[in-house]
Amino acid sequence: MAAQKPRTGDGPLEVTKEGRGYVVRLPVEGGGRLVIEVSQEEATNLRDTLAETLTK
């Protein structure tokens, strides 16, 4: 039987390349993670949008 890991929101934002897309794991308040898969184009758009926000 495999050991189960606790589901906590602690930890950093994680992005991994899987197949032709990227999987983003966002820690959320209250525990757990929001997991989304984005394409290369979506990841680039997200990066550009966040960079614009940080420079303002």
Protein backbone atom coordinates (compact mmCIF):
# COMPACT_ATOMS: atom_id res chain seq x y z
CA MET A 1 0.00 0.00 0.00
CA ALA A 2 1.36 3.43 -0.96
CA ALA A 3 1.71 6.14 1.66
CA GLN A 4 -0.48 9.16 1.12
CA LYS A 5 1.02 12.62 1.24
CA PRO A 6 -0.80 15.31 3.20
CA ARG A 7 -2.75 17.75 1.05
CA THR A 8 -1.48 21.14 2.09
CA GLY A 9 -1.27 24.42 0.27
CA ASP A 10 2.21 25.02 1.63
CA GLY A 11 5.03 25.16 -0.81
CA PRO A 12 6.02 27.10 -3.88
CA LEU A 13 4.28 27.53 -7.18
CA GLU A 14 5.36 24.67 -9.45
CA VAL A 15 5.44 24.49 -13.24
CA THR A 16 6.47 21.34 -15.09
CA LYS A 17 6.58 20.54 -18.79
CA GLU A 18 4.49 17.49 -19.57
CA GLY A 19 4.00 16.44 -23.15
CA ARG A 20 3.27 19.46 -25.34
CA GLY A 21 1.97 21.60 -22.49
CA TYR A 22 2.81 22.83 -19.03
CA VAL A 23 1.19 21.82 -15.74
CA VAL A 24 0.90 24.63 -13.19
CA ARG A 25 0.34 23.78 -9.52
CA LEU A 26 -0.78 26.76 -7.43
CA PRO A 27 -1.02 26.51 -3.64
CA VAL A 28 -4.43 27.75 -2.49
CA GLU A 29 -5.60 29.21 0.77
CA GLY A 30 -7.15 26.58 3.03
CA GLY A 31 -4.96 23.76 1.75
CA GLY A 32 -4.61 21.89 -1.49
CA ARG A 33 -3.46 23.00 -4.90
CA LEU A 34 -5.10 24.28 -8.03
CA VAL A 35 -3.71 22.27 -10.95
CA ILE A 36 -4.14 23.54 -14.52
CA GLU A 37 -2.61 22.57 -17.84
CA VAL A 38 -1.70 25.30 -20.32
CA SER A 39 -0.27 25.30 -23.84
CA GLN A 40 3.00 26.98 -24.81
CA GLU A 41 1.09 30.00 -26.16
CA GLU A 42 -1.01 30.33 -23.00
CA ALA A 43 2.09 30.07 -20.80
CA THR A 44 3.80 32.81 -22.82
CA ASN A 45 0.75 35.08 -22.57
CA LEU A 46 0.55 34.50 -18.82
CA ARG A 47 4.25 35.30 -18.39
CA ASP A 48 3.92 38.52 -20.40
CA THR A 49 0.84 39.63 -18.47
CA LEU A 50 2.49 38.98 -15.11
CA ALA A 51 5.66 40.81 -16.21
CA GLU A 52 3.59 43.87 -17.21
CA THR A 53 1.82 43.82 -13.86
CA LEU A 54 5.06 43.66 -11.90
CA THR A 55 6.64 46.58 -13.78
CA LYS A 56 3.74 48.97 -13.06
